[in-house]
Amino acid sequence: VQLQASGGGSVQAGGSLRLSCAASGRTFSIYAMGWFRQAPWKEREFVAAIKWSGDSTFYADSVKGRFTISRDNAKNTVYLQMNSLKPEDTAVYYCVIDMYFWGKGTQVTVSS
């Protein structure tokens, strides 16, 4: 399985960005997709996840109410809508399938 993330960039605090992650290859057995992030000199941390069937979503407390994860099964793509961004959201964001297949990160920078 290959993952291609896009949508990162630079934005001022309070702004919005939408990340996308498209999966290709053996995607028929996906259980869940999610996003992690890693800020400089910090450990990688969980951001959000969504099951590939049903409506279950999961969020880190730090992003609840600001970020929304969604998916398009037909396109094998997961999205992360990020609103009310804060400087502490600055990080490299990684998408992951089943905590096993990881994509290359996309940089998100939020300036104050």
PDB file of N, CA and C in Angstrom:
ATOM      1  N   VAL A   1       0.841  -1.187   0.000  1.00  0.00           N
ATOM      2  CA  VAL A   1       0.000   0.000   0.000  1.00  0.00           C
ATOM      3  C   VAL A   1       0.882   1.245   0.000  1.00  0.00           C
ATOM      4  N   GLN A   2       0.522   2.189  -0.848  1.00  0.00           N
ATOM      5  CA  GLN A   2       1.255   3.453  -0.892  1.00  0.00           C
ATOM      6  C   GLN A   2       0.320   4.590  -0.497  1.00  0.00           C
ATOM      7  N   LEU A   3       0.865   5.574   0.184  1.00  0.00           N
ATOM      8  CA  LEU A   3       0.089   6.713   0.643  1.00  0.00           C
ATOM      9  C   LEU A   3       0.714   7.995   0.118  1.00  0.00           C
ATOM     10  N   GLN A   4      -0.133   8.871  -0.366  1.00  0.00           N
ATOM     11  CA  GLN A   4       0.324  10.158  -0.877  1.00  0.00           C
ATOM     12  C   GLN A   4      -0.457  11.255  -0.178  1.00  0.00           C
ATOM     13  N   ALA A   5       0.245  11.995   0.665  1.00  0.00           N
ATOM     14  CA  ALA A   5      -0.392  13.078   1.406  1.00  0.00           C
ATOM     15  C   ALA A   5      -0.148  14.408   0.713  1.00  0.00           C
ATOM     16  N   SER A   6      -1.105  15.306   0.860  1.00  0.00           N
ATOM     17  CA  SER A   6      -0.983  16.642   0.280  1.00  0.00           C
ATOM     18  C   SER A   6      -1.816  17.619   1.087  1.00  0.00           C
ATOM     19  N   GLY A   7      -1.627  18.897   0.812  1.00  0.00           N
ATOM     20  CA  GLY A   7      -2.460  19.920   1.435  1.00  0.00           C
ATOM     21  C   GLY A   7      -1.791  20.718   2.526  1.00  0.00           C
ATOM     22  N   GLY A   8      -0.575  20.372   2.876  1.00  0.00           N
ATOM     23  CA  GLY A   8       0.109  21.145   3.900  1.00  0.00           C
ATOM     24  C   GLY A   8       0.470  22.527   3.392  1.00  0.00           C
ATOM     25  N   GLY A   9       0.938  23.363   4.301  1.00  0.00           N
ATOM     26  CA  GLY A   9       1.331  24.708   3.924  1.00  0.00           C
ATOM     27  C   GLY A   9       1.495  25.590   5.129  1.00  0.00           C
ATOM     28  N   SER A  10       1.557  26.879   4.860  1.00  0.00           N
ATOM     29  CA  SER A  10       1.718  27.867   5.924  1.00  0.00           C
ATOM     30  C   SER A  10       0.455  28.703   6.031  1.00  0.00           C
ATOM     31  N   VAL A  11       0.046  28.968   7.252  1.00  0.00           N
ATOM     32  CA  VAL A  11      -1.170  29.733   7.481  1.00  0.00           C
ATOM     33  C   VAL A  11      -1.023  30.503   8.787  1.00  0.00           C
ATOM     34  N   GLN A  12      -1.751  31.584   8.907  1.00  0.00           N
ATOM     35  CA  GLN A  12      -1.731  32.326  10.161  1.00  0.00           C
ATOM     36  C   GLN A  12      -2.672  31.687  11.167  1.00  0.00           C
ATOM     37  N   ALA A  13      -2.419  31.957  12.420  1.00  0.00           N
ATOM     38  CA  ALA A  13      -3.279  31.434  13.485  1.00  0.00           C
ATOM     39  C   ALA A  13      -4.729  31.821  13.223  1.00  0.00           C
ATOM     40  N   GLY A  14      -5.611  30.858  13.449  1.00  0.00           N
ATOM     41  CA  GLY A  14      -7.024  31.074  13.176  1.00  0.00           C
ATOM     42  C   GLY A  14      -7.444  30.624  11.800  1.00  0.00           C
ATOM     43  N   GLY A  15      -6.491  30.341  10.951  1.00  0.00           N
ATOM     44  CA  GLY A  15      -6.776  29.916   9.600  1.00  0.00           C
ATOM     45  C   GLY A  15      -7.108  28.438   9.497  1.00  0.00           C
ATOM     46  N   SER A  16      -7.281  27.983   8.261  1.00  0.00           N
ATOM     47  CA  SER A  16      -7.680  26.601   8.004  1.00  0.00           C
ATOM     48  C   SER A  16      -6.821  25.983   6.909  1.00  0.00           C
ATOM     49  N   LEU A  17      -6.681  24.688   6.988  1.00  0.00           N
ATOM     50  CA  LEU A  17      -6.048  23.891   5.949  1.00  0.00           C
ATOM     51  C   LEU A  17      -6.783  22.565   5.863  1.00  0.00           C
ATOM     52  N   ARG A  18      -6.726  21.941   4.685  1.00  0.00           N
ATOM     53  CA  ARG A  18      -7.280  20.598   4.545  1.00  0.00           C
ATOM     54  C   ARG A  18      -6.199  19.686   3.979  1.00  0.00           C
ATOM     55  N   LEU A  19      -5.921  18.643   4.716  1.00  0.00           N
ATOM     56  CA  LEU A  19      -4.969  17.639   4.279  1.00  0.00           C
ATOM     57  C   LEU A  19      -5.718  16.496   3.603  1.00  0.00           C
ATOM     58  N   SER A  20      -5.076  15.912   2.608  1.00  0.00           N
ATOM     59  CA  SER A  20      -5.620  14.751   1.924  1.00  0.00           C
ATOM     60  C   SER A  20      -4.580  13.652   1.915  1.00  0.00           C
ATOM     61  N   CYS A  21      -5.041  12.419   1.920  1.00  0.00           N
ATOM     62  CA  CYS A  21      -4.126  11.284   1.838  1.00  0.00           C
ATOM     63  C   CYS A  21      -4.798  10.214   1.001  1.00  0.00           C
ATOM     64  N   ALA A  22      -4.217   9.942  -0.146  1.00  0.00           N
ATOM     65  CA  ALA A  22      -4.770   8.955  -1.060  1.00  0.00           C
ATOM     66  C   ALA A  22      -3.978   7.662  -0.952  1.00  0.00           C
ATOM     67  N   ALA A  23      -4.690   6.555  -0.823  1.00  0.00           N
ATOM     68  CA  ALA A  23      -4.061   5.248  -0.735  1.00  0.00           C
ATOM     69  C   ALA A  23      -4.181   4.527  -2.067  1.00  0.00           C
ATOM     70  N   SER A  24      -3.142   3.781  -2.406  1.00  0.00           N
ATOM     71  CA  SER A  24      -3.169   2.972  -3.624  1.00  0.00           C
ATOM     72  C   SER A  24      -2.531   1.630  -3.330  1.00  0.00           C
ATOM     73  N   GLY A  25      -2.806   0.678  -4.187  1.00  0.00           N
ATOM     74  CA  GLY A  25      -2.282  -0.663  -3.971  1.00  0.00           C
ATOM     75  C   GLY A  25      -3.339  -1.557  -3.352  1.00  0.00           C
ATOM     76  N   ARG A  26      -2.955  -2.389  -2.415  1.00  0.00           N
ATOM     77  CA  ARG A  26      -3.862  -3.343  -1.793  1.00  0.00           C
ATOM     78  C   ARG A  26      -4.719  -2.656  -0.733  1.00  0.00           C
ATOM     79  N   THR A  27      -5.736  -1.949  -1.190  1.00  0.00           N
ATOM     80  CA  THR A  27      -6.542  -1.145  -0.275  1.00  0.00           C
ATOM     81  C   THR A  27      -7.836  -1.809   0.137  1.00  0.00           C
ATOM     82  N   PHE A  28      -8.083  -3.038  -0.322  1.00  0.00           N
ATOM     83  CA  PHE A  28      -9.380  -3.646  -0.081  1.00  0.00           C
ATOM     84  C   PHE A  28      -9.568  -4.085   1.368  1.00  0.00           C
ATOM     85  N   SER A  29      -8.501  -4.171   2.126  1.00  0.00           N
ATOM     86  CA  SER A  29      -8.619  -4.684   3.491  1.00  0.00           C
ATOM     87  C   SER A  29      -8.334  -3.628   4.551  1.00  0.00           C
ATOM     88  N   ILE A  30      -8.485  -2.362   4.192  1.00  0.00           N
ATOM     89  CA  ILE A  30      -8.211  -1.301   5.155  1.00  0.00           C
ATOM     90  C   ILE A  30      -9.227  -1.364   6.294  1.00  0.00           C
ATOM     91  N   TYR A  31      -8.735  -1.263   7.525  1.00  0.00           N
ATOM     92  CA  TYR A  31      -9.611  -1.209   8.694  1.00  0.00           C
ATOM     93  C   TYR A  31      -9.813   0.233   9.151  1.00  0.00           C
ATOM     94  N   ALA A  32      -8.731   0.987   9.171  1.00  0.00           N
ATOM     95  CA  ALA A  32      -8.828   2.375   9.609  1.00  0.00           C
ATOM     96  C   ALA A  32      -7.676   3.187   9.031  1.00  0.00           C
ATOM     97  N   MET A  33      -7.921   4.468   8.857  1.00  0.00           N
ATOM     98  CA  MET A  33      -6.871   5.400   8.447  1.00  0.00           C
ATOM     99  C   MET A  33      -6.825   6.532   9.451  1.00  0.00           C
ATOM    100  N   GLY A  34      -5.667   7.115   9.563  1.00  0.00           N
ATOM    101  CA  GLY A  34      -5.550   8.185  10.545  1.00  0.00           C
ATOM    102  C   GLY A  34      -4.421   9.139  10.248  1.00  0.00           C
ATOM    103  N   TRP A  35      -4.284  10.095  11.122  1.00  0.00           N
ATOM    104  CA  TRP A  35      -3.244  11.113  11.030  1.00  0.00           C
ATOM    105  C   TRP A  35      -2.488  11.194  12.340  1.00  0.00           C
ATOM    106  N   PHE A  36      -1.181  11.301  12.224  1.00  0.00           N
ATOM    107  CA  PHE A  36      -0.302  11.601  13.340  1.00  0.00           C
ATOM    108  C   PHE A  36       0.473  12.862  12.976  1.00  0.00           C
ATOM    109  N   ARG A  37       1.103  13.459  13.930  1.00  0.00           N
ATOM    110  CA  ARG A  37       1.948  14.608  13.643  1.00  0.00           C
ATOM    111  C   ARG A  37       3.173  14.589  14.537  1.00  0.00           C
ATOM    112  N   GLN A  38       4.209  15.255  14.062  1.00  0.00           N
ATOM    113  CA  GLN A  38       5.439  15.332  14.832  1.00  0.00           C
ATOM    114  C   GLN A  38       6.015  16.722  14.716  1.00  0.00           C
ATOM    115  N   ALA A  39       6.091  17.401  15.839  1.00  0.00           N
ATOM    116  CA  ALA A  39       6.685  18.729  15.905  1.00  0.00           C
ATOM    117  C   ALA A  39       8.182  18.588  16.175  1.00  0.00           C
ATOM    118  N   PRO A  40       8.947  19.606  15.855  1.00  0.00           N
ATOM    119  CA  PRO A  40      10.393  19.536  16.101  1.00  0.00           C
ATOM    120  C   PRO A  40      10.704  19.191  17.553  1.00  0.00           C
ATOM    121  N   TRP A  41      11.586  18.242  17.731  1.00  0.00           N
ATOM    122  CA  TRP A  41      12.074  17.809  19.049  1.00  0.00           C
ATOM    123  C   TRP A  41      10.984  17.203  19.926  1.00  0.00           C
ATOM    124  N   LYS A  42       9.894  16.758  19.292  1.00  0.00           N
ATOM    125  CA  LYS A  42       8.838  16.095  20.039  1.00  0.00           C
ATOM    126  C   LYS A  42       8.556  14.732  19.429  1.00  0.00           C
ATOM    127  N   GLU A  43       7.910  13.877  20.218  1.00  0.00           N
ATOM    128  CA  GLU A  43       7.551  12.568  19.717  1.00  0.00           C
ATOM    129  C   GLU A  43       6.341  12.677  18.785  1.00  0.00           C
ATOM    130  N   ARG A  44       6.218  11.698  17.905  1.00  0.00           N
ATOM    131  CA  ARG A  44       5.051  11.656  17.034  1.00  0.00           C
ATOM    132  C   ARG A  44       3.817  11.404  17.888  1.00  0.00           C
ATOM    133  N   GLU A  45       2.733  12.130  17.610  1.00  0.00           N
ATOM    134  CA  GLU A  45       1.528  11.989  18.410  1.00  0.00           C
ATOM    135  C   GLU A  45       0.302  11.776  17.531  1.00  0.00           C
ATOM    136  N   PHE A  46      -0.658  11.097  18.100  1.00  0.00           N
ATOM    137  CA  PHE A  46      -1.913  10.819  17.416  1.00  0.00           C
ATOM    138  C   PHE A  46      -2.727  12.101  17.263  1.00  0.00           C
ATOM    139  N   VAL A  47      -3.376  12.232  16.095  1.00  0.00           N
ATOM    140  CA  VAL A  47      -4.246  13.378  15.848  1.00  0.00           C
ATOM    141  C   VAL A  47      -5.701  12.934  15.679  1.00  0.00           C
ATOM    142  N   ALA A  48      -5.938  12.056  14.716  1.00  0.00           N
ATOM    143  CA  ALA A  48      -7.311  11.632  14.443  1.00  0.00           C
ATOM    144  C   ALA A  48      -7.290  10.336  13.652  1.00  0.00           C
ATOM    145  N   ALA A  49      -8.398   9.599  13.728  1.00  0.00           N
ATOM    146  CA  ALA A  49      -8.516   8.355  12.978  1.00  0.00           C
ATOM    147  C   ALA A  49      -9.970   8.120  12.619  1.00  0.00           C
ATOM    148  N   ILE A  50     -10.179   7.313  11.582  1.00  0.00           N
ATOM    149  CA  ILE A  50     -11.531   6.988  11.138  1.00  0.00           C
ATOM    150  C   ILE A  50     -11.550   5.551  10.658  1.00  0.00           C
ATOM    151  N   LYS A  51     -12.575   4.820  11.047  1.00  0.00           N
ATOM    152  CA  LYS A  51     -12.732   3.473  10.546  1.00  0.00           C
ATOM    153  C   LYS A  51     -13.180   3.526   9.085  1.00  0.00           C
ATOM    154  N   TRP A  52     -12.781   2.505   8.326  1.00  0.00           N
ATOM    155  CA  TRP A  52     -13.078   2.527   6.898  1.00  0.00           C
ATOM    156  C   TRP A  52     -14.534   2.189   6.612  1.00  0.00           C
ATOM    157  N   SER A  53     -15.241   1.640   7.579  1.00  0.00           N
ATOM    158  CA  SER A  53     -16.672   1.425   7.440  1.00  0.00           C
ATOM    159  C   SER A  53     -17.348   1.939   8.691  1.00  0.00           C
ATOM    160  N   GLY A  54     -18.580   2.369   8.551  1.00  0.00           N
ATOM    161  CA  GLY A  54     -19.256   2.941   9.704  1.00  0.00           C
ATOM    162  C   GLY A  54     -18.896   4.395   9.911  1.00  0.00           C
ATOM    163  N   ASP A  55     -19.254   4.913  11.076  1.00  0.00           N
ATOM    164  CA  ASP A  55     -19.107   6.337  11.349  1.00  0.00           C
ATOM    165  C   ASP A  55     -18.135   6.641  12.478  1.00  0.00           C
ATOM    166  N   SER A  56     -17.351   5.681  12.887  1.00  0.00           N
ATOM    167  CA  SER A  56     -16.498   5.900  14.052  1.00  0.00           C
ATOM    168  C   SER A  56     -15.309   6.785  13.715  1.00  0.00           C
ATOM    169  N   THR A  57     -15.161   7.838  14.498  1.00  0.00           N
ATOM    170  CA  THR A  57     -14.006   8.714  14.391  1.00  0.00           C
ATOM    171  C   THR A  57     -13.403   8.918  15.781  1.00  0.00           C
ATOM    172  N   PHE A  58     -12.148   9.245  15.799  1.00  0.00           N
ATOM    173  CA  PHE A  58     -11.422   9.407  17.050  1.00  0.00           C
ATOM    174  C   PHE A  58     -10.504  10.622  16.916  1.00  0.00           C
ATOM    175  N   TYR A  59     -10.396  11.383  18.009  1.00  0.00           N
ATOM    176  CA  TYR A  59      -9.594  12.608  17.977  1.00  0.00           C
ATOM    177  C   TYR A  59      -8.757  12.744  19.244  1.00  0.00           C
ATOM    178  N   ALA A  60      -7.611  13.348  19.089  1.00  0.00           N
ATOM    179  CA  ALA A  60      -6.848  13.759  20.257  1.00  0.00           C
ATOM    180  C   ALA A  60      -7.575  14.925  20.915  1.00  0.00           C
ATOM    181  N   ASP A  61      -7.465  15.011  22.220  1.00  0.00           N
ATOM    182  CA  ASP A  61      -8.149  16.088  22.946  1.00  0.00           C
ATOM    183  C   ASP A  61      -7.721  17.463  22.430  1.00  0.00           C
ATOM    184  N   SER A  62      -6.492  17.569  22.012  1.00  0.00           N
ATOM    185  CA  SER A  62      -5.954  18.868  21.596  1.00  0.00           C
ATOM    186  C   SER A  62      -6.571  19.394  20.304  1.00  0.00           C
ATOM    187  N   VAL A  63      -7.230  18.516  19.547  1.00  0.00           N
ATOM    188  CA  VAL A  63      -7.791  18.966  18.266  1.00  0.00           C
ATOM    189  C   VAL A  63      -9.312  18.836  18.213  1.00  0.00           C
ATOM    190  N   LYS A  64      -9.916  18.261  19.226  1.00  0.00           N
ATOM    191  CA  LYS A  64     -11.374  18.089  19.226  1.00  0.00           C
ATOM    192  C   LYS A  64     -12.066  19.432  19.064  1.00  0.00           C
ATOM    193  N   GLY A  65     -13.069  19.449  18.203  1.00  0.00           N
ATOM    194  CA  GLY A  65     -13.814  20.669  17.960  1.00  0.00           C
ATOM    195  C   GLY A  65     -13.185  21.575  16.925  1.00  0.00           C
ATOM    196  N   ARG A  66     -11.948  21.297  16.537  1.00  0.00           N
ATOM    197  CA  ARG A  66     -11.265  22.126  15.523  1.00  0.00           C
ATOM    198  C   ARG A  66     -10.960  21.335  14.257  1.00  0.00           C
ATOM    199  N   PHE A  67     -10.629  20.068  14.417  1.00  0.00           N
ATOM    200  CA  PHE A  67     -10.267  19.223  13.280  1.00  0.00           C
ATOM    201  C   PHE A  67     -11.398  18.236  13.001  1.00  0.00           C
ATOM    202  N   THR A  68     -11.570  17.904  11.734  1.00  0.00           N
ATOM    203  CA  THR A  68     -12.552  16.907  11.341  1.00  0.00           C
ATOM    204  C   THR A  68     -11.925  15.948  10.354  1.00  0.00           C
ATOM    205  N   ILE A  69     -12.009  14.666  10.655  1.00  0.00           N
ATOM    206  CA  ILE A  69     -11.494  13.643   9.751  1.00  0.00           C
ATOM    207  C   ILE A  69     -12.669  13.057   8.985  1.00  0.00           C
ATOM    208  N   SER A  70     -12.455  12.805   7.712  1.00  0.00           N
ATOM    209  CA  SER A  70     -13.495  12.203   6.878  1.00  0.00           C
ATOM    210  C   SER A  70     -12.816  11.340   5.827  1.00  0.00           C
ATOM    211  N   ARG A  71     -13.628  10.606   5.088  1.00  0.00           N
ATOM    212  CA  ARG A  71     -13.042   9.708   4.091  1.00  0.00           C
ATOM    213  C   ARG A  71     -13.931   9.656   2.865  1.00  0.00           C
ATOM    214  N   ASP A  72     -13.331   9.244   1.761  1.00  0.00           N
ATOM    215  CA  ASP A  72     -14.051   8.960   0.525  1.00  0.00           C
ATOM    216  C   ASP A  72     -13.603   7.566   0.107  1.00  0.00           C
ATOM    217  N   ASN A  73     -14.442   6.577   0.404  1.00  0.00           N
ATOM    218  CA  ASN A  73     -14.047   5.192   0.129  1.00  0.00           C
ATOM    219  C   ASN A  73     -13.813   4.952  -1.357  1.00  0.00           C
ATOM    220  N   ALA A  74     -14.599   5.589  -2.189  1.00  0.00           N
ATOM    221  CA  ALA A  74     -14.462   5.379  -3.632  1.00  0.00           C
ATOM    222  C   ALA A  74     -13.101   5.849  -4.132  1.00  0.00           C
ATOM    223  N   LYS A  75     -12.552   6.858  -3.479  1.00  0.00           N
ATOM    224  CA  LYS A  75     -11.249   7.393  -3.880  1.00  0.00           C
ATOM    225  C   LYS A  75     -10.126   6.898  -2.980  1.00  0.00           C
ATOM    226  N   ASN A  76     -10.451   6.043  -2.015  1.00  0.00           N
ATOM    227  CA  ASN A  76      -9.448   5.549  -1.054  1.00  0.00           C
ATOM    228  C   ASN A  76      -8.665   6.718  -0.453  1.00  0.00           C
ATOM    229  N   THR A  77      -9.391   7.726  -0.065  1.00  0.00           N
ATOM    230  CA  THR A  77      -8.766   8.956   0.407  1.00  0.00           C
ATOM    231  C   THR A  77      -9.345   9.353   1.756  1.00  0.00           C
ATOM    232  N   VAL A  78      -8.472   9.809   2.632  1.00  0.00           N
ATOM    233  CA  VAL A  78      -8.890  10.342   3.918  1.00  0.00           C
ATOM    234  C   VAL A  78      -8.491  11.816   3.965  1.00  0.00           C
ATOM    235  N   TYR A  79      -9.322  12.609   4.606  1.00  0.00           N
ATOM    236  CA  TYR A  79      -9.110  14.046   4.689  1.00  0.00           C
ATOM    237  C   TYR A  79      -9.005  14.477   6.147  1.00  0.00           C
ATOM    238  N   LEU A  80      -8.301  15.556   6.366  1.00  0.00           N
ATOM    239  CA  LEU A  80      -8.262  16.165   7.690  1.00  0.00           C
ATOM    240  C   LEU A  80      -8.493  17.657   7.510  1.00  0.00           C
ATOM    241  N   GLN A  81      -9.695  18.088   7.859  1.00  0.00           N
ATOM    242  CA  GLN A  81     -10.029  19.506   7.814  1.00  0.00           C
ATOM    243  C   GLN A  81      -9.588  20.130   9.127  1.00  0.00           C
ATOM    244  N   MET A  82      -8.717  21.103   9.044  1.00  0.00           N
ATOM    245  CA  MET A  82      -8.150  21.724  10.233  1.00  0.00           C
ATOM    246  C   MET A  82      -8.573  23.190  10.277  1.00  0.00           C
ATOM    247  N   ASN A  83      -9.373  23.530  11.264  1.00  0.00           N
ATOM    248  CA  ASN A  83      -9.849  24.895  11.443  1.00  0.00           C
ATOM    249  C   ASN A  83      -9.290  25.485  12.734  1.00  0.00           C
ATOM    250  N   SER A  84      -9.383  26.792  12.849  1.00  0.00           N
ATOM    251  CA  SER A  84      -8.913  27.486  14.059  1.00  0.00           C
ATOM    252  C   SER A  84      -7.506  27.035  14.431  1.00  0.00           C
ATOM    253  N   LEU A  85      -6.655  27.016  13.458  1.00  0.00           N
ATOM    254  CA  LEU A  85      -5.295  26.520  13.680  1.00  0.00           C
ATOM    255  C   LEU A  85      -4.532  27.396  14.652  1.00  0.00           C
ATOM    256  N   LYS A  86      -3.677  26.748  15.422  1.00  0.00           N
ATOM    257  CA  LYS A  86      -2.863  27.404  16.434  1.00  0.00           C
ATOM    258  C   LYS A  86      -1.388  27.154  16.126  1.00  0.00           C
ATOM    259  N   PRO A  87      -0.528  28.035  16.602  1.00  0.00           N
ATOM    260  CA  PRO A  87       0.913  27.792  16.371  1.00  0.00           C
ATOM    261  C   PRO A  87       1.374  26.427  16.860  1.00  0.00           C
ATOM    262  N   GLU A  88       0.758  25.920  17.912  1.00  0.00           N
ATOM    263  CA  GLU A  88       1.158  24.617  18.432  1.00  0.00           C
ATOM    264  C   GLU A  88       0.714  23.460  17.546  1.00  0.00           C
ATOM    265  N   ASP A  89      -0.050  23.744  16.516  1.00  0.00           N
ATOM    266  CA  ASP A  89      -0.392  22.715  15.533  1.00  0.00           C
ATOM    267  C   ASP A  89       0.718  22.536  14.493  1.00  0.00           C
ATOM    268  N   THR A  90       1.707  23.395  14.535  1.00  0.00           N
ATOM    269  CA  THR A  90       2.823  23.295  13.599  1.00  0.00           C
ATOM    270  C   THR A  90       3.535  21.963  13.763  1.00  0.00           C
ATOM    271  N   ALA A  91       3.638  21.222  12.676  1.00  0.00           N
ATOM    272  CA  ALA A  91       4.239  19.894  12.726  1.00  0.00           C
ATOM    273  C   ALA A  91       4.268  19.311  11.313  1.00  0.00           C
ATOM    274  N   VAL A  92       4.954  18.205  11.194  1.00  0.00           N
ATOM    275  CA  VAL A  92       4.824  17.383   9.998  1.00  0.00           C
ATOM    276  C   VAL A  92       3.702  16.386  10.262  1.00  0.00           C
ATOM    277  N   TYR A  93       2.741  16.348   9.364  1.00  0.00           N
ATOM    278  CA  TYR A  93       1.584  15.481   9.520  1.00  0.00           C
ATOM    279  C   TYR A  93       1.750  14.247   8.638  1.00  0.00           C
ATOM    280  N   TYR A  94       1.494  13.084   9.236  1.00  0.00           N
ATOM    281  CA  TYR A  94       1.643  11.810   8.555  1.00  0.00           C
ATOM    282  C   TYR A  94       0.302  11.083   8.517  1.00  0.00           C
ATOM    283  N   CYS A  95      -0.032  10.503   7.377  1.00  0.00           N
ATOM    284  CA  CYS A  95      -1.198   9.628   7.356  1.00  0.00           C
ATOM    285  C   CYS A  95      -0.729   8.183   7.496  1.00  0.00           C
ATOM    286  N   VAL A  96      -1.608   7.355   7.997  1.00  0.00           N
ATOM    287  CA  VAL A  96      -1.253   5.969   8.289  1.00  0.00           C
ATOM    288  C   VAL A  96      -2.468   5.080   8.055  1.00  0.00           C
ATOM    289  N   ILE A  97      -2.213   3.888   7.572  1.00  0.00           N
ATOM    290  CA  ILE A  97      -3.254   2.866   7.421  1.00  0.00           C
ATOM    291  C   ILE A  97      -2.983   1.759   8.417  1.00  0.00           C
ATOM    292  N   ASP A  98      -3.971   1.484   9.249  1.00  0.00           N
ATOM    293  CA  ASP A  98      -3.918   0.346  10.171  1.00  0.00           C
ATOM    294  C   ASP A  98      -2.654   0.352  11.022  1.00  0.00           C
ATOM    295  N   MET A  99      -2.144   1.536  11.290  1.00  0.00           N
ATOM    296  CA  MET A  99      -0.945   1.703  12.116  1.00  0.00           C
ATOM    297  C   MET A  99       0.233   0.930  11.551  1.00  0.00           C
ATOM    298  N   TYR A 100       0.213   0.700  10.248  1.00  0.00           N
ATOM    299  CA  TYR A 100       1.263  -0.104   9.633  1.00  0.00           C
ATOM    300  C   TYR A 100       1.887   0.589   8.424  1.00  0.00           C
ATOM    301  N   PHE A 101       1.073   1.072   7.510  1.00  0.00           N
ATOM    302  CA  PHE A 101       1.581   1.746   6.314  1.00  0.00           C
ATOM    303  C   PHE A 101       1.561   3.249   6.566  1.00  0.00           C
ATOM    304  N   TRP A 102       2.733   3.846   6.422  1.00  0.00           N
ATOM    305  CA  TRP A 102       2.877   5.273   6.708  1.00  0.00           C
ATOM    306  C   TRP A 102       3.213   6.020   5.431  1.00  0.00           C
ATOM    307  N   GLY A 103       2.628   7.188   5.285  1.00  0.00           N
ATOM    308  CA  GLY A 103       2.952   8.046   4.175  1.00  0.00           C
ATOM    309  C   GLY A 103       4.078   8.997   4.544  1.00  0.00           C
ATOM    310  N   LYS A 104       4.648   9.630   3.534  1.00  0.00           N
ATOM    311  CA  LYS A 104       5.610  10.686   3.794  1.00  0.00           C
ATOM    312  C   LYS A 104       4.847  11.885   4.338  1.00  0.00           C
ATOM    313  N   GLY A 105       5.420  12.591   5.225  1.00  0.00           N
ATOM    314  CA  GLY A 105       4.720  13.669   5.891  1.00  0.00           C
ATOM    315  C   GLY A 105       4.518  14.889   5.026  1.00  0.00           C
ATOM    316  N   THR A 106       3.604  15.724   5.478  1.00  0.00           N
ATOM    317  CA  THR A 106       3.375  17.017   4.847  1.00  0.00           C
ATOM    318  C   THR A 106       3.460  18.084   5.936  1.00  0.00           C
ATOM    319  N   GLN A 107       4.189  19.147   5.649  1.00  0.00           N
ATOM    320  CA  GLN A 107       4.467  20.166   6.647  1.00  0.00           C
ATOM    321  C   GLN A 107       3.292  21.124   6.805  1.00  0.00           C
ATOM    322  N   VAL A 108       2.923  21.369   8.049  1.00  0.00           N
ATOM    323  CA  VAL A 108       1.922  22.390   8.387  1.00  0.00           C
ATOM    324  C   VAL A 108       2.601  23.394   9.315  1.00  0.00           C
ATOM    325  N   THR A 109       2.582  24.643   8.930  1.00  0.00           N
ATOM    326  CA  THR A 109       3.197  25.702   9.732  1.00  0.00           C
ATOM    327  C   THR A 109       2.155  26.768  10.031  1.00  0.00           C
ATOM    328  N   VAL A 110       1.954  27.045  11.302  1.00  0.00           N
ATOM    329  CA  VAL A 110       0.975  28.045  11.732  1.00  0.00           C
ATOM    330  C   VAL A 110       1.724  29.163  12.439  1.00  0.00           C
ATOM    331  N   SER A 111       1.618  30.355  11.907  1.00  0.00           N
ATOM    332  CA  SER A 111       2.318  31.491  12.492  1.00  0.00           C
ATOM    333  C   SER A 111       1.355  32.324  13.342  1.00  0.00           C
ATOM    334  N   SER A 112       1.923  32.929  14.364  1.00  0.00           N
ATOM    335  CA  SER A 112       1.092  33.740  15.276  1.00  0.00           C
ATOM    336  C   SER A 112       0.970  35.175  14.800  1.00  0.00           C
TER     337      SER A 112
END
